[in-house]
Protein backbone atom coordinates (compact mmCIF):
# COMPACT_ATOMS: atom_id res chain seq x y z
CA UNK A 1 94.29 134.55 95.93
CA UNK A 2 97.84 133.60 94.97
CA UNK A 3 100.31 135.76 93.06
CA UNK A 4 102.38 133.80 90.54
CA UNK A 5 105.53 134.67 88.63
CA UNK A 6 105.83 132.18 85.80
CA UNK A 7 109.18 131.95 84.02
CA UNK A 8 108.70 130.66 80.48
CA UNK A 9 111.24 129.18 78.08
CA UNK A 10 111.81 131.26 74.93
CA UNK A 11 109.53 134.11 76.07
CA UNK A 12 110.74 137.20 74.24
CA UNK A 13 109.04 139.97 76.19
CA UNK A 14 112.23 141.46 77.64
CA UNK A 15 111.88 139.79 81.05
CA UNK A 16 111.19 136.11 80.41
CA UNK A 17 108.36 135.88 82.93
CA UNK A 18 104.65 136.60 83.37
CA UNK A 19 103.05 137.87 86.59
CA UNK A 20 99.45 136.98 87.36
CA UNK A 21 97.06 136.65 90.32
CA UNK A 22 95.02 133.46 90.34
CA UNK A 23 92.14 132.36 92.53
CA UNK A 24 93.96 129.38 94.09
CA UNK A 25 97.15 127.33 93.96
CA UNK A 26 95.90 124.80 91.39
CA UNK A 27 98.51 125.93 88.83
CA UNK A 28 101.33 125.11 91.26
CA UNK A 29 99.83 121.70 92.07
CA UNK A 30 99.47 120.92 88.35
CA UNK A 31 103.06 122.04 87.67
CA UNK A 32 104.41 119.85 90.48
CA UNK A 33 102.44 116.91 89.08
CA UNK A 34 103.93 117.62 85.64
CA UNK A 35 107.46 117.64 87.10
CA UNK A 36 106.79 114.49 89.10
CA UNK A 37 105.14 112.18 86.57
CA UNK A 38 104.97 114.17 83.30
CA UNK A 39 101.17 114.51 83.10
CA UNK A 40 100.12 117.89 81.69
CA UNK A 41 96.89 119.44 82.93
CA UNK A 42 94.65 120.87 80.22
CA UNK A 43 92.71 123.52 82.06
CA UNK A 44 92.25 127.25 82.38
CA UNK A 45 92.83 129.02 85.69
CA UNK A 46 90.68 131.89 87.00
CA UNK A 47 92.50 135.23 87.00
CA UNK A 48 91.38 137.47 89.87
CA UNK A 49 91.63 141.17 90.60
CA UNK A 50 93.23 141.61 94.02
CA UNK A 51 91.91 145.16 94.30
CA UNK A 52 88.28 143.98 94.24
CA UNK A 53 88.59 141.13 96.75
CA UNK A 54 89.18 138.17 94.43
CA UNK A 55 86.57 139.02 91.79
CA UNK A 56 87.26 136.86 88.71
CA UNK A 57 88.25 138.93 85.69
CA UNK A 58 89.40 136.34 83.16
CA UNK A 59 91.17 133.08 82.52
CA UNK A 60 94.81 132.06 82.18
CA UNK A 61 96.22 129.04 80.37
CA UNK A 62 99.83 127.94 79.95
CA UNK A 63 101.62 125.00 78.37
CA UNK A 64 103.37 123.41 81.34
CA UNK A 65 106.13 122.05 79.08
CA UNK A 66 107.19 125.67 78.38
CA UNK A 67 107.44 126.59 82.08
CA UNK A 68 110.99 126.86 83.42
CA UNK A 69 110.02 127.82 87.00
CA UNK A 70 107.15 129.18 89.06
CA UNK A 71 107.18 131.28 92.21
CA UNK A 72 104.06 131.78 94.32
CA UNK A 73 103.26 134.43 96.90
CA UNK A 74 100.21 134.32 99.16
CA UNK A 75 99.34 137.65 100.80
CA UNK A 76 98.86 137.46 104.57
CA UNK A 77 95.89 139.30 106.01
CA UNK A 78 97.79 140.23 109.18
CA UNK A 79 100.66 141.80 107.22
CA UNK A 80 98.52 143.77 104.74
CA UNK A 81 94.95 144.24 106.05
CA UNK A 82 94.29 146.90 103.39
CA UNK A 83 94.37 144.18 100.72
CA UNK A 84 91.48 142.38 102.40
CA UNK A 85 89.09 145.29 103.01
CA UNK A 86 86.38 146.24 100.56
CA UNK A 87 86.88 149.48 98.59
CA UNK A 88 85.71 152.48 100.59
CA UNK A 89 85.99 150.72 103.94
CA UNK A 90 88.73 151.50 106.37
CA UNK A 91 91.15 148.69 107.01
CA UNK A 92 91.03 147.10 110.47
CA UNK A 93 93.82 148.05 112.80
CA UNK A 94 96.31 145.24 113.43
CA UNK A 95 96.40 143.89 116.97
CA UNK A 96 99.30 145.17 119.06
CA UNK A 97 102.20 142.76 119.18
CA UNK A 98 102.88 141.10 122.51
CA UNK A 99 106.37 140.95 123.92
CA UNK A 100 107.97 137.56 123.37
CA UNK A 101 108.35 135.46 126.52
CA UNK A 102 111.77 135.33 128.12
CA UNK A 103 113.81 132.30 127.22
CA UNK A 104 113.99 129.54 129.86
CA UNK A 105 117.67 129.02 129.01
CA UNK A 106 118.55 132.63 129.83
CA UNK A 107 116.50 132.49 133.02
CA UNK A 108 118.20 129.30 134.23
CA UNK A 109 121.65 130.70 133.49
CA UNK A 110 120.96 133.83 135.56
CA UNK A 111 119.69 131.93 138.61
CA UNK A 112 122.65 129.59 138.93
């Protein structure tokens, strides 16, 4: 699942952008191809519901020529385990963080 914020030219909804969660990063790859060589993809992208573990709930289509910019955010399971657990299940506890190793540079400076 990838969260997209799509900034559209001449969108008069008060913000100028649309937020959506899509199944994969195909929209970003298609947009980069459009910017690179000008080929527009004619496809619909699966919209997912993040609360139900990526269950498809609809489709999303956009004219890439009207897109001014796109930002993408991929949730990380380690940062937000509650997003990846099924409803009604308790989220797994994150592993305790280990202390970072001491720097070799600091160690060498202290022993000289």
